[in-house]
Amino acid sequence: ADENLRLIRSSLPEAVEP
């Protein structure tokens, strides 16, 4: 079930820093 997490995280902005 790590594949789904990886896909979701890849789509989400993890590093949103200026």
Protein backbone atom coordinates (compact mmCIF):
# COMPACT_ATOMS: atom_id res chain seq x y z
CA ALA A 1 0.00 0.00 0.00
CA ASP A 2 3.08 2.18 -0.25
CA GLU A 3 2.62 2.73 -3.98
CA ASN A 4 -0.56 4.74 -3.40
CA LEU A 5 1.10 6.83 -0.69
CA ARG A 6 4.05 7.54 -2.97
CA LEU A 7 1.73 8.65 -5.77
CA ILE A 8 -0.29 10.89 -3.47
CA ARG A 9 2.79 12.41 -1.86
CA SER A 10 4.37 12.93 -5.26
CA SER A 11 1.30 14.91 -6.30
CA LEU A 12 1.21 16.89 -3.07
CA PRO A 13 3.55 19.87 -2.55
CA GLU A 14 5.82 18.53 0.18
CA ALA A 15 8.42 21.30 0.01
CA VAL A 16 6.45 24.52 -0.15
CA GLU A 17 9.09 26.94 1.11
CA PRO A 18 10.12 30.33 -0.31
